[in-house]
Each structure stands twice: as structure tokens, then as C-alpha cells.
Amino acid sequence: MNTVVREIRAHQLAGQDTRRLRELAEPLSSVMVEPKGTGWPEHQRRYALELVANGVSGWFGPVSEVVLTLIRDNHAAGLIGHDVLEHRNFPRRSIVGRHCSGAHARQAQSVLELACWDLASRATGTPVGALLGGAARTAVPVYASALGLDVLHPGTPEAAEWIDGAGFWGQKWALPATLIDLGPMAVDTCLSRIRAAVPDARIMVDGLGQCRLDQALAVLPVLVALRLTWAEELVEAGSAAWLSLRSRAAGGVPMAAGEHAYDPGEQSRLLTDGLVDIWQPDVAWCGGISRALHTAQVAADLGVATFPHGGSLAAAVALAGVCTARAVPAVEYHLTIEPLRQCVVVDALRPINGELLVRSIPGLAEYAMPAGALPISLGAVQ
């Protein structure tokens, strides 16, 4: 059968090419900070995962070397012979080893599941959205993640105006530790410049989990007064500090989290215990598209909107495409990191008037393979 996995391969892709950032519009490039992680091994040695069936393959990328090692050691044997059309059996296949939870373990499970959907789509000639039950829309709004821009730069208001004029659903800015340490008055001054530049725009902030509880509590009235759409991970989501902050934030600024909730139990706890106002799963980290769709549906039942994190933009758009605008209003598009991620994709995803088209042809994405590179086998039918 052409939907049964016969071999698992990895293909090395090009590293991140920072020259792509030269294409950014001037209001953005003038306030851009040095991209984080461009020197990390996982960004310099990136791979495309290939699941080989009879005459057709499924793909996902980029994947790090650490995740590939877990796939080879823990998952390969249980995936060989798996029929990707039997997607409900995917979580029940054999997994060996002790590393079955946590960030890298869940990434390994996630990227395999996404590659399975890609293979099922290509083997049947059916778009992924149709396999998931049918597309609910043809385009999905995106919000601009401006975490790669310097919120303290004098040119920030012009960058905010450009983002708003480009049609993005909203814009998310970082609250770096250097700003938080200056105190709530400095945060007020900084964010007020953005609010004055785009008075009617949706503005969000991401604390990157770097605030102490006392700092988060001190800055909370500022965020409420500025009418923010949400505050993301001022402190670690689900922690005692989070519970204390949430009790003070009730009725003020919505609290967002989810991208670092890797394991199913933690995802369920955050949602069903009412610990988040905005749900932010990353499809390539949380267990895959089936799991992300499940949590998005649970969130919708609880009156919580889902905004998928942009770690895998193609998968996030596929998820959003099968959900209503009320359940998933928008997905994240990182203004400075996404161009680096998209270096390995043939048809790079670029927002047009603040939207991304939902893919209507088979597969999640097409990857650019370096000429002459030999694949690495992670497991095959003996």
C-alpha cells in the first residue's frame, strides 16, 4: 500500500540565511534586534523528515538533530509498517525508551504526526484540510509577532504604524527584562508610544516568562489601562505565581499561554481549570495537528479562543483552516524569525493584507533539497 511507512529518512537542509532579513520593510529593519538563535546548532543543522511509502513520501521540516535522534531511537521501529490513513492508531504505536515526555519528546511525536498527515494527503491526492473534515475558510488572518523588534527604539511607533497598515490582525511586542527592570512607569511610557501610534489596533505583549511576580503585579495596571488584547506569559504559565497574577488580572487584561504546554495533562489542566483566557498551542510541539485540533475544540467549548503559535506556520494554518474564525481568530506570524524558517520552503508563506491562504493542494509544504545531499536512514523495513 502507498500509505504504509516503509522507511524513515532525514535530509539536511540549509541553515538559516540572515540575508532574508534584508527584505524587511524599512520601518521594521530600522528597529530590528540581532536575531536570537541564528548560531544555535539546531538552526545551523536543520533537516527535513521524510516518511517513505510505496512511490510517495510525506515530509516535515525543519527538524533539529536532537529530535531526529529521538525519532531514530524511540519511534522508528514502531512507525515502520504504520498505515497513515489509520491516524487514530498513531498514538498507540510502540514507543521505546524513557524519554516520552517533555519538550523534545513531544516535538518528536509532533513532527512524526505532521509528516504522517503530509504522506496521507499526498498519497490520496487530498488536501490536509479535507482529511481533517473539510476547510472552514480559504484564508486565515495572522497577527504580527514583533518580538524581534526593539520595543525601546525611538522608531517603534513607525514600525507599529507599518504593521497596522499592512493589515495584520494585531501586533505583539516583547516586554524584555531590561524594560521590566526599569519599572512600571517605563513600561507605560514605552507602550503608550505604540498605543498613540495605533490607537485602534489590537496590541499584545509577551513577557517571555521573565518577570518576577512582584514585577508582573506592578505592571498589570499599566497593561489594563492601555487596553491590551492579551498579556502572554509574564510569569511561567500554571505556576503559583501565575495563579496569583491571574486572580489579580481577572476582568482586566486577558492572560495567554499554551506554547510551552507540551504534555497532554498540562494542556488539559490549563484549559479545564480555567487558567488561561487565550490558548496558544504550537502544532509542532504539542503533539501534532490532531492534538492541537482537540485542544482548540475544548477551548472553544469553554469560550476560550485559540491563537496557534507560529513554530510551524504551515501546520498552524492547516489547523486554523478547519476551524471557524470564532474558534481560531488568527495565527502568529513572527516578523523576523519566520523569513528565516521559510528559507527551506519552496513556496514561502507570506501574508497578503494580513492573511495567509489555506493550502488547497495535497501536502503541508514543499521543501528545497540541497543538490547532491544523501539522505540519512533512521529506520526501514528489514
Protein backbone atom coordinates (compact mmCIF):
# COMPACT_ATOMS: atom_id res chain seq x y z
CA MET A 1 0.00 0.00 0.00
CA ASN A 2 1.18 3.53 -0.73
CA THR A 3 0.11 4.78 2.71
CA VAL A 4 2.21 2.36 4.79
CA VAL A 5 5.53 3.70 6.08
CA ARG A 6 8.43 1.64 4.72
CA GLU A 7 11.39 3.82 5.68
CA ILE A 8 12.20 6.97 7.66
CA ARG A 9 14.82 9.34 6.28
CA ALA A 10 16.35 12.70 7.12
CA HIS A 11 17.72 15.23 4.64
CA GLN A 12 19.98 18.05 5.76
CA LEU A 13 18.65 21.47 4.79
CA ALA A 14 20.35 24.81 4.50
CA GLY A 15 20.98 26.74 7.72
CA GLN A 16 19.21 29.98 8.49
CA ASP A 17 20.10 32.67 5.98
CA THR A 18 20.02 36.06 7.73
CA ARG A 19 20.24 37.80 4.34
CA ARG A 20 16.49 37.20 4.10
CA LEU A 21 16.03 39.86 6.75
CA ARG A 22 17.29 42.50 4.32
CA GLU A 23 13.92 42.15 2.61
CA LEU A 24 12.10 43.55 5.65
CA ALA A 25 10.37 46.88 5.18
CA GLU A 26 12.47 49.82 6.39
CA PRO A 27 10.27 50.71 9.40
CA LEU A 28 10.91 47.16 10.67
CA SER A 29 14.56 46.74 9.72
CA SER A 30 15.49 50.03 11.40
CA VAL A 31 14.31 48.76 14.81
CA MET A 32 15.27 45.09 14.43
CA VAL A 33 17.48 43.47 17.05
CA GLU A 34 20.05 40.77 16.31
CA PRO A 35 18.04 37.57 15.65
CA LYS A 36 18.31 35.17 18.55
CA GLY A 37 19.45 31.64 17.94
CA THR A 38 21.00 32.03 14.49
CA GLY A 39 24.18 30.48 15.85
CA TRP A 40 22.43 27.62 17.65
CA PRO A 41 23.33 24.15 16.30
CA GLU A 42 19.65 23.32 15.75
CA HIS A 43 19.37 26.26 13.35
CA GLN A 44 22.63 25.60 11.56
CA ARG A 45 21.96 21.86 11.10
CA ARG A 46 18.34 21.62 10.04
CA TYR A 47 16.73 18.58 8.49
CA ALA A 48 13.63 17.57 6.57
CA LEU A 49 11.98 14.40 7.85
CA GLU A 50 10.78 12.02 5.12
CA LEU A 51 8.39 9.09 5.61
CA VAL A 52 8.75 6.78 2.61
CA ALA A 53 5.88 4.60 1.39
CA ASN A 54 5.49 2.85 -1.98
CA GLY A 55 6.15 5.57 -4.57
CA VAL A 56 5.18 8.50 -2.36
CA SER A 57 6.66 10.30 0.66
CA GLY A 58 5.44 12.51 3.47
CA TRP A 59 7.54 15.40 4.73
CA PHE A 60 8.04 17.78 7.61
CA GLY A 61 10.75 20.30 8.40
CA PRO A 62 12.84 21.81 9.65
CA VAL A 63 13.70 19.31 12.38
CA SER A 64 16.66 19.52 14.75
CA GLU A 65 19.34 16.87 15.21
CA VAL A 66 18.22 16.21 18.79
CA VAL A 67 14.67 15.46 17.68
CA LEU A 68 15.92 13.20 14.86
CA THR A 69 17.91 11.19 17.40
CA LEU A 70 14.78 10.62 19.48
CA ILE A 71 12.87 9.60 16.35
CA ARG A 72 15.56 7.09 15.41
CA ASP A 73 15.96 5.63 18.90
CA ASN A 74 12.41 5.78 20.29
CA HIS A 75 9.96 5.90 17.39
CA ALA A 76 11.34 4.39 14.18
CA ALA A 77 10.64 0.74 14.94
CA GLY A 78 7.05 1.44 15.97
CA LEU A 79 6.37 3.62 12.93
CA ILE A 80 7.61 1.21 10.25
CA GLY A 81 4.54 -0.57 8.93
CA HIS A 82 2.14 2.08 10.22
CA ASP A 83 -0.68 2.96 7.82
CA VAL A 84 -1.01 6.73 7.91
CA LEU A 85 -4.69 6.54 6.99
CA GLU A 86 -5.26 4.91 10.37
CA HIS A 87 -4.48 8.17 12.13
CA ARG A 88 -6.27 7.18 15.34
CA ASN A 89 -3.77 4.35 15.78
CA PHE A 90 -0.81 6.74 15.61
CA PRO A 91 -0.71 7.44 19.40
CA ARG A 92 -0.96 3.70 20.12
CA ARG A 93 2.08 2.55 18.15
CA SER A 94 5.11 1.26 20.03
CA ILE A 95 7.44 3.87 21.59
CA VAL A 96 10.58 2.69 23.39
CA GLY A 97 12.98 4.39 25.79
CA ARG A 98 12.48 6.60 28.83
CA HIS A 99 12.22 9.96 27.05
CA CYS A 100 8.48 10.02 26.38
CA SER A 101 7.57 13.40 27.84
CA GLY A 102 8.91 16.92 27.85
CA ALA A 103 9.77 19.36 25.10
CA HIS A 104 11.99 17.33 22.77
CA ALA A 105 9.97 14.12 23.21
CA ARG A 106 6.76 15.92 22.27
CA GLN A 107 8.47 17.58 19.31
CA ALA A 108 9.49 14.15 18.03
CA GLN A 109 5.92 12.87 18.32
CA SER A 110 4.55 16.06 16.78
CA VAL A 111 6.74 16.18 13.69
CA LEU A 112 6.14 12.48 13.00
CA GLU A 113 2.39 13.02 13.21
CA LEU A 114 2.61 16.00 10.85
CA ALA A 115 4.71 14.01 8.40
CA CYS A 116 2.04 11.28 8.55
CA TRP A 117 -0.66 13.79 7.61
CA ASP A 118 1.54 15.02 4.78
CA LEU A 119 2.00 11.46 3.49
CA ALA A 120 -1.71 10.67 3.77
CA SER A 121 -2.51 13.86 1.88
CA ARG A 122 -0.04 13.21 -0.95
CA ALA A 123 -0.89 9.50 -1.23
CA THR A 124 -4.63 10.19 -1.59
CA GLY A 125 -4.30 13.43 -3.56
CA THR A 126 -6.41 15.15 -0.89
CA PRO A 127 -5.60 18.42 0.88
CA VAL A 128 -4.82 18.03 4.57
CA GLY A 129 -7.82 20.19 5.46
CA ALA A 130 -10.16 17.81 3.66
CA LEU A 131 -8.67 14.85 5.54
CA LEU A 132 -9.34 16.73 8.78
CA GLY A 133 -13.01 17.13 7.95
CA GLY A 134 -13.07 19.93 5.40
CA ALA A 135 -11.87 23.51 5.27
CA ALA A 136 -13.98 26.11 7.06
CA ARG A 137 -12.36 29.02 5.20
CA THR A 138 -9.92 29.75 2.40
CA ALA A 139 -7.73 32.29 4.21
CA VAL A 140 -6.66 32.85 7.82
CA PRO A 141 -5.77 36.18 9.48
CA VAL A 142 -2.33 36.45 11.04
CA TYR A 143 -1.11 38.66 13.84
CA ALA A 144 2.39 40.10 13.73
CA SER A 145 4.81 38.96 16.37
CA ALA A 146 7.23 41.86 16.76
CA LEU A 147 9.40 40.09 19.33
CA GLY A 148 12.40 40.60 17.05
CA LEU A 149 11.98 44.37 17.16
CA ASP A 150 13.35 46.66 19.88
CA VAL A 151 10.35 47.95 21.81
CA LEU A 152 12.60 50.64 23.35
CA HIS A 153 13.81 52.00 19.98
CA PRO A 154 12.68 55.56 19.06
CA GLY A 155 11.40 54.23 15.73
CA THR A 156 9.00 51.75 17.32
CA PRO A 157 5.85 53.90 16.70
CA GLU A 158 6.63 53.99 12.96
CA ALA A 159 7.08 50.21 12.95
CA ALA A 160 3.74 49.82 14.75
CA GLU A 161 2.07 52.02 12.14
CA TRP A 162 3.57 49.93 9.33
CA ILE A 163 2.31 46.69 10.91
CA ASP A 164 -1.18 48.12 11.33
CA GLY A 165 -1.20 49.45 7.76
CA ALA A 166 -0.15 46.03 6.41
CA GLY A 167 -3.47 44.61 7.62
CA PHE A 168 -2.28 42.32 10.40
CA TRP A 169 -4.96 41.19 12.85
CA GLY A 170 -2.89 42.65 15.69
CA GLN A 171 0.70 43.10 16.88
CA LYS A 172 2.58 41.51 19.76
CA TRP A 173 5.57 43.20 21.40
CA ALA A 174 8.11 41.84 23.85
CA LEU A 175 8.47 43.08 27.40
CA PRO A 176 12.18 42.31 27.83
CA ALA A 177 13.75 42.00 31.26
CA THR A 178 15.67 45.25 30.66
CA LEU A 179 12.38 47.14 30.34
CA ILE A 180 10.65 45.33 33.21
CA ASP A 181 13.59 46.15 35.49
CA LEU A 182 13.07 49.87 34.79
CA GLY A 183 9.68 49.68 36.47
CA PRO A 184 6.02 50.20 35.52
CA MET A 185 6.43 53.87 34.61
CA ALA A 186 9.00 52.96 31.96
CA VAL A 187 6.71 50.22 30.63
CA ASP A 188 3.86 52.74 30.48
CA THR A 189 5.97 55.28 28.59
CA CYS A 190 7.21 52.67 26.12
CA LEU A 191 3.86 51.03 25.35
CA SER A 192 1.99 54.33 25.34
CA ARG A 193 4.05 55.40 22.32
CA ILE A 194 2.79 52.35 20.46
CA ARG A 195 -0.81 52.88 21.59
CA ALA A 196 -0.67 56.52 20.48
CA ALA A 197 0.65 55.50 17.06
CA VAL A 198 -2.07 52.87 16.52
CA PRO A 199 -4.94 53.85 18.82
CA ASP A 200 -7.43 51.34 17.44
CA ALA A 201 -5.10 48.37 16.86
CA ARG A 202 -5.04 45.17 18.86
CA ILE A 203 -1.82 45.25 20.91
CA MET A 204 -0.46 42.28 22.84
CA VAL A 205 2.65 41.82 24.96
CA ASP A 206 4.81 38.79 25.72
CA GLY A 207 6.72 38.75 29.00
CA LEU A 208 8.71 35.69 27.83
CA GLY A 209 8.21 34.26 31.34
CA GLN A 210 10.94 36.57 32.66
CA CYS A 211 9.01 38.68 35.18
CA ARG A 212 9.11 38.13 38.92
CA LEU A 213 5.67 38.04 40.48
CA ASP A 214 6.10 41.44 42.13
CA GLN A 215 7.15 42.96 38.79
CA ALA A 216 4.20 41.40 36.97
CA LEU A 217 1.76 42.65 39.62
CA ALA A 218 3.26 46.15 39.43
CA VAL A 219 2.97 46.37 35.66
CA LEU A 220 -0.53 44.86 35.46
CA PRO A 221 -2.45 48.18 35.94
CA VAL A 222 -0.43 49.68 33.07
CA LEU A 223 -1.44 46.86 30.74
CA VAL A 224 -5.09 47.21 31.72
CA ALA A 225 -5.09 50.97 31.18
CA LEU A 226 -3.59 50.56 27.70
CA ARG A 227 -6.45 48.21 26.69
CA LEU A 228 -4.21 45.32 25.69
CA THR A 229 -5.76 42.37 23.91
CA TRP A 230 -3.71 39.95 25.99
CA ALA A 231 -0.60 39.56 28.14
CA GLU A 232 1.37 36.43 27.36
CA GLU A 233 3.48 34.54 29.88
CA LEU A 234 4.52 37.38 32.17
CA VAL A 235 5.40 34.54 34.54
CA GLU A 236 5.56 30.78 33.99
CA ALA A 237 2.14 29.54 32.95
CA GLY A 238 0.40 27.36 35.51
CA SER A 239 2.86 28.18 38.31
CA ALA A 240 1.95 29.53 41.74
CA ALA A 241 2.98 32.97 40.51
CA TRP A 242 0.63 32.54 37.53
CA LEU A 243 -2.29 31.70 39.84
CA SER A 244 -1.63 34.76 41.97
CA LEU A 245 -1.30 37.02 38.94
CA ARG A 246 -4.41 35.60 37.34
CA SER A 247 -6.51 36.31 40.40
CA ARG A 248 -5.44 39.96 40.22
CA ALA A 249 -5.87 40.18 36.44
CA ALA A 250 -9.47 38.95 36.42
CA GLY A 251 -11.62 41.35 34.44
CA GLY A 252 -8.56 43.32 33.32
CA VAL A 253 -6.17 42.06 30.70
CA PRO A 254 -6.66 38.50 29.33
CA MET A 255 -3.80 36.09 30.05
CA ALA A 256 -2.41 33.95 27.24
CA ALA A 257 -0.31 30.77 27.31
CA GLY A 258 -0.01 27.30 25.82
CA GLU A 259 3.01 27.11 23.54
CA HIS A 260 5.11 25.53 26.32
CA ALA A 261 2.37 23.17 27.50
CA TYR A 262 3.89 20.15 25.79
CA ASP A 263 2.24 17.22 27.53
CA PRO A 264 -1.48 16.37 27.33
CA GLY A 265 -2.04 16.52 31.08
CA GLU A 266 -0.66 20.04 31.34
CA GLN A 267 -2.70 21.16 28.33
CA SER A 268 -5.88 19.79 29.87
CA ARG A 269 -5.09 21.35 33.26
CA LEU A 270 -4.57 24.84 31.85
CA LEU A 271 -7.82 24.67 29.89
CA THR A 272 -10.22 22.82 32.16
CA ASP A 273 -9.02 24.54 35.35
CA GLY A 274 -9.73 27.90 33.72
CA LEU A 275 -6.12 29.07 33.92
CA VAL A 276 -5.94 30.76 30.51
CA ASP A 277 -8.07 33.31 28.67
CA ILE A 278 -6.25 32.82 25.36
CA TRP A 279 -4.99 29.39 24.22
CA GLN A 280 -1.73 29.24 22.21
CA PRO A 281 -0.70 25.70 21.22
CA ASP A 282 2.23 25.13 18.89
CA VAL A 283 1.19 22.39 16.47
CA ALA A 284 4.78 21.16 16.08
CA TRP A 285 5.35 20.99 19.85
CA CYS A 286 2.03 19.97 21.42
CA GLY A 287 1.63 16.51 19.86
CA GLY A 288 0.62 17.31 16.29
CA ILE A 289 -2.38 18.56 14.41
CA SER A 290 -4.86 16.05 15.87
CA ARG A 291 -3.97 17.04 19.41
CA ALA A 292 -3.98 20.74 18.58
CA LEU A 293 -7.40 20.40 16.95
CA HIS A 294 -8.72 18.59 20.02
CA THR A 295 -7.50 21.28 22.43
CA ALA A 296 -8.82 24.03 20.15
CA GLN A 297 -12.25 22.39 20.24
CA VAL A 298 -12.11 22.03 24.04
CA ALA A 299 -11.05 25.66 24.32
CA ALA A 300 -13.93 26.75 22.08
CA ASP A 301 -16.40 24.83 24.26
CA LEU A 302 -15.03 26.74 27.25
CA GLY A 303 -15.33 30.09 25.48
CA VAL A 304 -11.55 30.42 25.01
CA ALA A 305 -10.19 31.48 21.62
CA THR A 306 -7.16 29.68 20.16
CA PHE A 307 -4.28 31.54 18.52
CA PRO A 308 -1.78 28.91 17.28
CA HIS A 309 1.86 29.67 17.91
CA GLY A 310 3.93 30.03 14.75
CA GLY A 311 6.63 27.40 15.34
CA SER A 312 5.30 25.56 12.30
CA LEU A 313 3.38 28.07 10.25
CA ALA A 314 2.14 25.62 7.62
CA ALA A 315 0.69 23.33 10.28
CA ALA A 316 -0.82 26.27 12.17
CA VAL A 317 -2.59 27.49 9.03
CA ALA A 318 -3.83 23.96 8.27
CA LEU A 319 -5.27 23.77 11.79
CA ALA A 320 -6.87 27.21 11.57
CA GLY A 321 -8.29 26.42 8.13
CA VAL A 322 -10.57 23.71 9.53
CA CYS A 323 -11.73 25.86 12.45
CA THR A 324 -14.16 28.75 12.46
CA ALA A 325 -12.95 32.32 12.90
CA ARG A 326 -14.58 32.37 16.33
CA ALA A 327 -12.60 29.32 17.49
CA VAL A 328 -9.30 30.37 15.87
CA PRO A 329 -9.35 34.09 15.04
CA ALA A 330 -5.73 34.30 13.86
CA VAL A 331 -2.33 32.59 13.85
CA GLU A 332 1.07 34.01 14.78
CA TYR A 333 3.47 35.31 12.11
CA HIS A 334 6.89 36.21 13.51
CA LEU A 335 8.15 39.18 11.52
CA THR A 336 11.86 38.43 11.87
CA ILE A 337 12.06 34.69 12.60
CA GLU A 338 9.56 33.47 10.01
CA PRO A 339 11.61 34.63 6.99
CA LEU A 340 14.48 32.52 8.38
CA ARG A 341 12.24 29.50 8.88
CA GLN A 342 10.82 29.86 5.38
CA CYS A 343 14.28 29.63 3.79
CA VAL A 344 13.78 25.86 3.46
CA VAL A 345 10.34 26.10 1.84
CA VAL A 346 9.89 26.37 -1.92
CA ASP A 347 6.72 28.47 -1.77
CA ALA A 348 7.36 30.64 1.28
CA LEU A 349 4.29 31.70 3.23
CA ARG A 350 3.97 35.47 3.13
CA PRO A 351 0.93 37.36 4.42
CA ILE A 352 -1.09 39.36 1.92
CA ASN A 353 -3.19 42.08 3.55
CA GLY A 354 -2.71 40.35 6.87
CA GLU A 355 -3.88 36.92 5.73
CA LEU A 356 -2.40 33.59 4.65
CA LEU A 357 -4.12 31.34 2.15
CA VAL A 358 -5.18 27.89 3.34
CA ARG A 359 -3.41 25.29 1.20
CA SER A 360 -5.87 23.68 -1.23
CA ILE A 361 -3.48 21.13 -2.77
CA PRO A 362 -2.02 17.96 -1.22
CA GLY A 363 0.74 18.24 1.37
CA LEU A 364 1.62 20.76 4.07
CA ALA A 365 4.59 22.37 2.28
CA GLU A 366 7.28 21.79 -0.36
CA TYR A 367 10.90 21.69 0.81
CA ALA A 368 14.02 22.80 -1.03
CA MET A 369 16.53 19.94 -1.04
CA PRO A 370 20.24 20.76 -1.49
CA ALA A 371 21.61 19.19 -4.67
CA GLY A 372 23.69 16.06 -4.14
CA ALA A 373 22.91 15.60 -0.47
CA LEU A 374 22.46 11.96 0.54
CA PRO A 375 19.56 11.06 2.85
CA ILE A 376 20.18 9.58 6.29
CA SER A 377 18.15 6.44 7.03
CA LEU A 378 16.61 6.38 10.52
CA GLY A 379 14.87 3.04 10.05
CA ALA A 380 13.45 0.79 7.34
CA VAL A 381 11.59 -2.46 6.69
CA GLN A 382 14.06 -5.30 7.16
